[in-house]
Amino acid sequence: MAEVTVEDLNGLLESGVPDPVLVLTGGRLVVEPSGDRTAGASEVITRGDLREQLADRPLELIAATLSTAIVQRGG
């Protein structure tokens, strides 16, 4: 099971790739450009969506929520 960590989310926030998105591919979480994602990769969260959620939620809570969503999807 892939677990989203605060480090994963910080990596997304600090990424230098254009329009980055955190994806689950091959059981791993990686940051990829949204326009050039690995075939079969499942989107976890975009940097834009993460920034919006940070307005009222800490990274730890966002990471836990995303981890739960992955489990519920069978990832």
PDB file of N, CA and C in Angstrom:
ATOM      1  N   MET A   1       0.838  -1.179   0.000  1.00  0.00           N
ATOM      2  CA  MET A   1       0.000   0.000   0.000  1.00  0.00           C
ATOM      3  C   MET A   1       0.883   1.243   0.000  1.00  0.00           C
ATOM      4  N   ALA A   2       0.561   2.174  -0.849  1.00  0.00           N
ATOM      5  CA  ALA A   2       1.282   3.445  -0.895  1.00  0.00           C
ATOM      6  C   ALA A   2       0.697   4.392   0.147  1.00  0.00           C
ATOM      7  N   GLU A   3       1.569   4.990   0.920  1.00  0.00           N
ATOM      8  CA  GLU A   3       1.139   5.955   1.935  1.00  0.00           C
ATOM      9  C   GLU A   3       1.694   7.321   1.576  1.00  0.00           C
ATOM     10  N   VAL A   4       0.839   8.306   1.492  1.00  0.00           N
ATOM     11  CA  VAL A   4       1.261   9.668   1.191  1.00  0.00           C
ATOM     12  C   VAL A   4       1.877  10.256   2.458  1.00  0.00           C
ATOM     13  N   THR A   5       3.070  10.808   2.311  1.00  0.00           N
ATOM     14  CA  THR A   5       3.766  11.408   3.446  1.00  0.00           C
ATOM     15  C   THR A   5       3.847  12.926   3.267  1.00  0.00           C
ATOM     16  N   VAL A   6       4.184  13.594   4.349  1.00  0.00           N
ATOM     17  CA  VAL A   6       4.408  15.036   4.284  1.00  0.00           C
ATOM     18  C   VAL A   6       5.551  15.323   3.308  1.00  0.00           C
ATOM     19  N   GLU A   7       6.548  14.444   3.268  1.00  0.00           N
ATOM     20  CA  GLU A   7       7.663  14.617   2.340  1.00  0.00           C
ATOM     21  C   GLU A   7       7.188  14.541   0.890  1.00  0.00           C
ATOM     22  N   ASP A   8       6.245  13.636   0.595  1.00  0.00           N
ATOM     23  CA  ASP A   8       5.672  13.554  -0.754  1.00  0.00           C
ATOM     24  C   ASP A   8       5.009  14.872  -1.129  1.00  0.00           C
ATOM     25  N   LEU A   9       4.245  15.419  -0.197  1.00  0.00           N
ATOM     26  CA  LEU A   9       3.522  16.662  -0.464  1.00  0.00           C
ATOM     27  C   LEU A   9       4.481  17.843  -0.594  1.00  0.00           C
ATOM     28  N   ASN A  10       5.513  17.882   0.231  1.00  0.00           N
ATOM     29  CA  ASN A  10       6.524  18.936   0.099  1.00  0.00           C
ATOM     30  C   ASN A  10       7.235  18.824  -1.240  1.00  0.00           C
ATOM     31  N   GLY A  11       7.492  17.596  -1.685  1.00  0.00           N
ATOM     32  CA  GLY A  11       8.107  17.392  -2.990  1.00  0.00           C
ATOM     33  C   GLY A  11       7.240  17.939  -4.111  1.00  0.00           C
ATOM     34  N   LEU A  12       5.936  17.763  -3.987  1.00  0.00           N
ATOM     35  CA  LEU A  12       5.004  18.303  -4.978  1.00  0.00           C
ATOM     36  C   LEU A  12       5.025  19.831  -4.949  1.00  0.00           C
ATOM     37  N   LEU A  13       4.993  20.406  -3.757  1.00  0.00           N
ATOM     38  CA  LEU A  13       4.990  21.862  -3.624  1.00  0.00           C
ATOM     39  C   LEU A  13       6.272  22.493  -4.165  1.00  0.00           C
ATOM     40  N   GLU A  14       7.395  21.805  -3.989  1.00  0.00           N
ATOM     41  CA  GLU A  14       8.694  22.354  -4.367  1.00  0.00           C
ATOM     42  C   GLU A  14       9.156  21.911  -5.752  1.00  0.00           C
ATOM     43  N   SER A  15       8.380  21.113  -6.436  1.00  0.00           N
ATOM     44  CA  SER A  15       8.785  20.551  -7.723  1.00  0.00           C
ATOM     45  C   SER A  15       9.049  21.629  -8.771  1.00  0.00           C
ATOM     46  N   GLY A  16      10.048  21.363  -9.586  1.00  0.00           N
ATOM     47  CA  GLY A  16      10.376  22.262 -10.676  1.00  0.00           C
ATOM     48  C   GLY A  16       9.735  21.871 -11.996  1.00  0.00           C
ATOM     49  N   VAL A  17       8.989  20.763 -12.010  1.00  0.00           N
ATOM     50  CA  VAL A  17       8.346  20.347 -13.260  1.00  0.00           C
ATOM     51  C   VAL A  17       7.122  21.220 -13.520  1.00  0.00           C
ATOM     52  N   PRO A  18       6.794  21.424 -14.797  1.00  0.00           N
ATOM     53  CA  PRO A  18       5.634  22.264 -15.109  1.00  0.00           C
ATOM     54  C   PRO A  18       4.326  21.592 -14.707  1.00  0.00           C
ATOM     55  N   ASP A  19       3.460  22.347 -14.041  1.00  0.00           N
ATOM     56  CA  ASP A  19       2.133  21.867 -13.653  1.00  0.00           C
ATOM     57  C   ASP A  19       2.199  20.473 -13.017  1.00  0.00           C
ATOM     58  N   PRO A  20       2.912  20.336 -11.881  1.00  0.00           N
ATOM     59  CA  PRO A  20       3.151  19.019 -11.302  1.00  0.00           C
ATOM     60  C   PRO A  20       1.912  18.397 -10.654  1.00  0.00           C
ATOM     61  N   VAL A  21       1.907  17.082 -10.684  1.00  0.00           N
ATOM     62  CA  VAL A  21       0.848  16.298 -10.057  1.00  0.00           C
ATOM     63  C   VAL A  21       1.499  15.105  -9.362  1.00  0.00           C
ATOM     64  N   LEU A  22       1.006  14.768  -8.178  1.00  0.00           N
ATOM     65  CA  LEU A  22       1.465  13.579  -7.473  1.00  0.00           C
ATOM     66  C   LEU A  22       0.632  12.418  -7.981  1.00  0.00           C
ATOM     67  N   VAL A  23       1.312  11.375  -8.472  1.00  0.00           N
ATOM     68  CA  VAL A  23       0.602  10.218  -9.028  1.00  0.00           C
ATOM     69  C   VAL A  23       1.079   8.942  -8.362  1.00  0.00           C
ATOM     70  N   LEU A  24       0.231   7.932  -8.440  1.00  0.00           N
ATOM     71  CA  LEU A  24       0.558   6.594  -7.979  1.00  0.00           C
ATOM     72  C   LEU A  24       0.777   5.746  -9.216  1.00  0.00           C
ATOM     73  N   THR A  25       1.971   5.205  -9.347  1.00  0.00           N
ATOM     74  CA  THR A  25       2.281   4.347 -10.485  1.00  0.00           C
ATOM     75  C   THR A  25       3.198   3.223 -10.029  1.00  0.00           C
ATOM     76  N   GLY A  26       2.828   2.015 -10.355  1.00  0.00           N
ATOM     77  CA  GLY A  26       3.635   0.868  -9.951  1.00  0.00           C
ATOM     78  C   GLY A  26       3.818   0.751  -8.457  1.00  0.00           C
ATOM     79  N   GLY A  27       2.827   1.201  -7.690  1.00  0.00           N
ATOM     80  CA  GLY A  27       2.894   1.123  -6.236  1.00  0.00           C
ATOM     81  C   GLY A  27       3.738   2.209  -5.590  1.00  0.00           C
ATOM     82  N   ARG A  28       4.224   3.156  -6.401  1.00  0.00           N
ATOM     83  CA  ARG A  28       5.053   4.243  -5.880  1.00  0.00           C
ATOM     84  C   ARG A  28       4.383   5.579  -6.137  1.00  0.00           C
ATOM     85  N   LEU A  29       4.658   6.534  -5.269  1.00  0.00           N
ATOM     86  CA  LEU A  29       4.185   7.902  -5.448  1.00  0.00           C
ATOM     87  C   LEU A  29       5.300   8.720  -6.073  1.00  0.00           C
ATOM     88  N   VAL A  30       4.993   9.386  -7.181  1.00  0.00           N
ATOM     89  CA  VAL A  30       5.977  10.206  -7.875  1.00  0.00           C
ATOM     90  C   VAL A  30       5.322  11.493  -8.352  1.00  0.00           C
ATOM     91  N   VAL A  31       6.147  12.524  -8.534  1.00  0.00           N
ATOM     92  CA  VAL A  31       5.679  13.792  -9.076  1.00  0.00           C
ATOM     93  C   VAL A  31       5.997  13.797 -10.567  1.00  0.00           C
ATOM     94  N   GLU A  32       4.982  14.079 -11.367  1.00  0.00           N
ATOM     95  CA  GLU A  32       5.139  14.133 -12.819  1.00  0.00           C
ATOM     96  C   GLU A  32       4.441  15.371 -13.357  1.00  0.00           C
ATOM     97  N   PRO A  33       4.831  15.834 -14.553  1.00  0.00           N
ATOM     98  CA  PRO A  33       4.094  16.928 -15.180  1.00  0.00           C
ATOM     99  C   PRO A  33       2.705  16.432 -15.575  1.00  0.00           C
ATOM    100  N   SER A  34       1.691  17.230 -15.365  1.00  0.00           N
ATOM    101  CA  SER A  34       0.328  16.771 -15.645  1.00  0.00           C
ATOM    102  C   SER A  34       0.118  16.456 -17.120  1.00  0.00           C
ATOM    103  N   GLY A  35       0.843  17.127 -18.012  1.00  0.00           N
ATOM    104  CA  GLY A  35       0.662  16.892 -19.434  1.00  0.00           C
ATOM    105  C   GLY A  35       1.462  15.728 -19.975  1.00  0.00           C
ATOM    106  N   ASP A  36       2.285  15.099 -19.140  1.00  0.00           N
ATOM    107  CA  ASP A  36       3.164  14.023 -19.609  1.00  0.00           C
ATOM    108  C   ASP A  36       3.252  12.924 -18.557  1.00  0.00           C
ATOM    109  N   ARG A  37       2.084  12.418 -18.172  1.00  0.00           N
ATOM    110  CA  ARG A  37       2.048  11.411 -17.110  1.00  0.00           C
ATOM    111  C   ARG A  37       2.299  10.016 -17.655  1.00  0.00           C
ATOM    112  N   THR A  38       2.840   9.164 -16.803  1.00  0.00           N
ATOM    113  CA  THR A  38       3.065   7.766 -17.129  1.00  0.00           C
ATOM    114  C   THR A  38       1.731   7.087 -17.413  1.00  0.00           C
ATOM    115  N   ALA A  39       1.689   6.282 -18.458  1.00  0.00           N
ATOM    116  CA  ALA A  39       0.467   5.550 -18.798  1.00  0.00           C
ATOM    117  C   ALA A  39       0.054   4.686 -17.612  1.00  0.00           C
ATOM    118  N   GLY A  40      -1.212   4.751 -17.259  1.00  0.00           N
ATOM    119  CA  GLY A  40      -1.742   3.960 -16.158  1.00  0.00           C
ATOM    120  C   GLY A  40      -1.560   4.586 -14.792  1.00  0.00           C
ATOM    121  N   ALA A  41      -0.891   5.729 -14.723  1.00  0.00           N
ATOM    122  CA  ALA A  41      -0.690   6.393 -13.430  1.00  0.00           C
ATOM    123  C   ALA A  41      -2.013   6.963 -12.938  1.00  0.00           C
ATOM    124  N   SER A  42      -2.222   6.868 -11.642  1.00  0.00           N
ATOM    125  CA  SER A  42      -3.446   7.360 -11.021  1.00  0.00           C
ATOM    126  C   SER A  42      -3.145   8.666 -10.283  1.00  0.00           C
ATOM    127  N   GLU A  43      -3.880   9.718 -10.638  1.00  0.00           N
ATOM    128  CA  GLU A  43      -3.659  11.015  -9.999  1.00  0.00           C
ATOM    129  C   GLU A  43      -4.053  10.976  -8.526  1.00  0.00           C
ATOM    130  N   VAL A  44      -3.175  11.511  -7.686  1.00  0.00           N
ATOM    131  CA  VAL A  44      -3.450  11.623  -6.256  1.00  0.00           C
ATOM    132  C   VAL A  44      -3.877  13.055  -5.939  1.00  0.00           C
ATOM    133  N   ILE A  45      -3.058  14.038  -6.342  1.00  0.00           N
ATOM    134  CA  ILE A  45      -3.396  15.449  -6.116  1.00  0.00           C
ATOM    135  C   ILE A  45      -2.490  16.326  -6.977  1.00  0.00           C
ATOM    136  N   THR A  46      -3.032  17.439  -7.435  1.00  0.00           N
ATOM    137  CA  THR A  46      -2.233  18.413  -8.172  1.00  0.00           C
ATOM    138  C   THR A  46      -1.658  19.428  -7.187  1.00  0.00           C
ATOM    139  N   ARG A  47      -0.641  20.154  -7.621  1.00  0.00           N
ATOM    140  CA  ARG A  47      -0.070  21.185  -6.756  1.00  0.00           C
ATOM    141  C   ARG A  47      -1.110  22.272  -6.478  1.00  0.00           C
ATOM    142  N   GLY A  48      -1.891  22.629  -7.490  1.00  0.00           N
ATOM    143  CA  GLY A  48      -2.928  23.645  -7.293  1.00  0.00           C
ATOM    144  C   GLY A  48      -3.950  23.237  -6.260  1.00  0.00           C
ATOM    145  N   ASP A  49      -4.410  21.989  -6.343  1.00  0.00           N
ATOM    146  CA  ASP A  49      -5.381  21.492  -5.360  1.00  0.00           C
ATOM    147  C   ASP A  49      -4.769  21.436  -3.965  1.00  0.00           C
ATOM    148  N   LEU A  50      -3.507  21.030  -3.889  1.00  0.00           N
ATOM    149  CA  LEU A  50      -2.836  20.973  -2.595  1.00  0.00           C
ATOM    150  C   LEU A  50      -2.736  22.366  -1.978  1.00  0.00           C
ATOM    151  N   ARG A  51      -2.369  23.342  -2.775  1.00  0.00           N
ATOM    152  CA  ARG A  51      -2.282  24.714  -2.250  1.00  0.00           C
ATOM    153  C   ARG A  51      -3.626  25.205  -1.726  1.00  0.00           C
ATOM    154  N   GLU A  52      -4.707  24.869  -2.426  1.00  0.00           N
ATOM    155  CA  GLU A  52      -6.042  25.259  -1.959  1.00  0.00           C
ATOM    156  C   GLU A  52      -6.362  24.614  -0.613  1.00  0.00           C
ATOM    157  N   GLN A  53      -6.039  23.326  -0.471  1.00  0.00           N
ATOM    158  CA  GLN A  53      -6.331  22.625   0.781  1.00  0.00           C
ATOM    159  C   GLN A  53      -5.492  23.150   1.942  1.00  0.00           C
ATOM    160  N   LEU A  54      -4.294  23.650   1.631  1.00  0.00           N
ATOM    161  CA  LEU A  54      -3.421  24.170   2.687  1.00  0.00           C
ATOM    162  C   LEU A  54      -3.986  25.421   3.349  1.00  0.00           C
ATOM    163  N   ALA A  55      -4.960  26.037   2.722  1.00  0.00           N
ATOM    164  CA  ALA A  55      -5.565  27.242   3.299  1.00  0.00           C
ATOM    165  C   ALA A  55      -6.196  26.959   4.658  1.00  0.00           C
ATOM    166  N   ASP A  56      -6.702  25.729   4.847  1.00  0.00           N
ATOM    167  CA  ASP A  56      -7.380  25.441   6.116  1.00  0.00           C
ATOM    168  C   ASP A  56      -7.040  24.077   6.714  1.00  0.00           C
ATOM    169  N   ARG A  57      -6.031  23.392   6.171  1.00  0.00           N
ATOM    170  CA  ARG A  57      -5.662  22.073   6.702  1.00  0.00           C
ATOM    171  C   ARG A  57      -4.149  21.913   6.701  1.00  0.00           C
ATOM    172  N   PRO A  58      -3.586  21.312   7.735  1.00  0.00           N
ATOM    173  CA  PRO A  58      -2.140  21.081   7.761  1.00  0.00           C
ATOM    174  C   PRO A  58      -1.736  19.929   6.830  1.00  0.00           C
ATOM    175  N   LEU A  59      -0.476  19.923   6.425  1.00  0.00           N
ATOM    176  CA  LEU A  59       0.030  18.875   5.529  1.00  0.00           C
ATOM    177  C   LEU A  59      -0.208  17.470   6.082  1.00  0.00           C
ATOM    178  N   GLU A  60      -0.040  17.303   7.375  1.00  0.00           N
ATOM    179  CA  GLU A  60      -0.209  15.974   7.975  1.00  0.00           C
ATOM    180  C   GLU A  60      -1.624  15.436   7.755  1.00  0.00           C
ATOM    181  N   LEU A  61      -2.608  16.300   7.912  1.00  0.00           N
ATOM    182  CA  LEU A  61      -3.995  15.881   7.725  1.00  0.00           C
ATOM    183  C   LEU A  61      -4.282  15.598   6.250  1.00  0.00           C
ATOM    184  N   ILE A  62      -3.750  16.414   5.366  1.00  0.00           N
ATOM    185  CA  ILE A  62      -3.941  16.189   3.931  1.00  0.00           C
ATOM    186  C   ILE A  62      -3.309  14.863   3.529  1.00  0.00           C
ATOM    187  N   ALA A  63      -2.098  14.582   4.013  1.00  0.00           N
ATOM    188  CA  ALA A  63      -1.411  13.331   3.699  1.00  0.00           C
ATOM    189  C   ALA A  63      -2.224  12.126   4.174  1.00  0.00           C
ATOM    190  N   ALA A  64      -2.748  12.197   5.386  1.00  0.00           N
ATOM    191  CA  ALA A  64      -3.547  11.090   5.921  1.00  0.00           C
ATOM    192  C   ALA A  64      -4.826  10.886   5.108  1.00  0.00           C
ATOM    193  N   THR A  65      -5.469  11.972   4.729  1.00  0.00           N
ATOM    194  CA  THR A  65      -6.696  11.892   3.941  1.00  0.00           C
ATOM    195  C   THR A  65      -6.428  11.265   2.574  1.00  0.00           C
ATOM    196  N   LEU A  66      -5.332  11.684   1.940  1.00  0.00           N
ATOM    197  CA  LEU A  66      -4.985  11.123   0.632  1.00  0.00           C
ATOM    198  C   LEU A  66      -4.614   9.648   0.741  1.00  0.00           C
ATOM    199  N   SER A  67      -3.917   9.266   1.800  1.00  0.00           N
ATOM    200  CA  SER A  67      -3.568   7.858   2.012  1.00  0.00           C
ATOM    201  C   SER A  67      -4.829   7.016   2.147  1.00  0.00           C
ATOM    202  N   THR A  68      -5.789   7.514   2.892  1.00  0.00           N
ATOM    203  CA  THR A  68      -7.069   6.806   3.058  1.00  0.00           C
ATOM    204  C   THR A  68      -7.779   6.661   1.718  1.00  0.00           C
ATOM    205  N   ALA A  69      -7.765   7.713   0.902  1.00  0.00           N
ATOM    206  CA  ALA A  69      -8.409   7.660  -0.408  1.00  0.00           C
ATOM    207  C   ALA A  69      -7.744   6.605  -1.292  1.00  0.00           C
ATOM    208  N   ILE A  70      -6.427   6.477  -1.222  1.00  0.00           N
ATOM    209  CA  ILE A  70      -5.723   5.468  -2.020  1.00  0.00           C
ATOM    210  C   ILE A  70      -6.155   4.073  -1.598  1.00  0.00           C
ATOM    211  N   VAL A  71      -6.233   3.847  -0.297  1.00  0.00           N
ATOM    212  CA  VAL A  71      -6.656   2.543   0.220  1.00  0.00           C
ATOM    213  C   VAL A  71      -8.071   2.222  -0.237  1.00  0.00           C
ATOM    214  N   GLN A  72      -8.952   3.197  -0.169  1.00  0.00           N
ATOM    215  CA  GLN A  72     -10.341   2.988  -0.564  1.00  0.00           C
ATOM    216  C   GLN A  72     -10.485   2.692  -2.048  1.00  0.00           C
ATOM    217  N   ARG A  73      -9.552   3.214  -2.861  1.00  0.00           N
ATOM    218  CA  ARG A  73      -9.570   2.940  -4.301  1.00  0.00           C
ATOM    219  C   ARG A  73      -8.902   1.612  -4.627  1.00  0.00           C
ATOM    220  N   GLY A  74      -8.301   1.003  -3.618  1.00  0.00           N
ATOM    221  CA  GLY A  74      -7.640  -0.275  -3.846  1.00  0.00           C
ATOM    222  C   GLY A  74      -6.177  -0.150  -4.262  1.00  0.00           C
ATOM    223  N   GLY A  75      -5.607   1.028  -4.030  1.00  0.00           N
ATOM    224  CA  GLY A  75      -4.206   1.278  -4.412  1.00  0.00           C
ATOM    225  C   GLY A  75      -3.311   0.866  -3.340  1.00  0.00           C
TER     226      GLY A  75
END
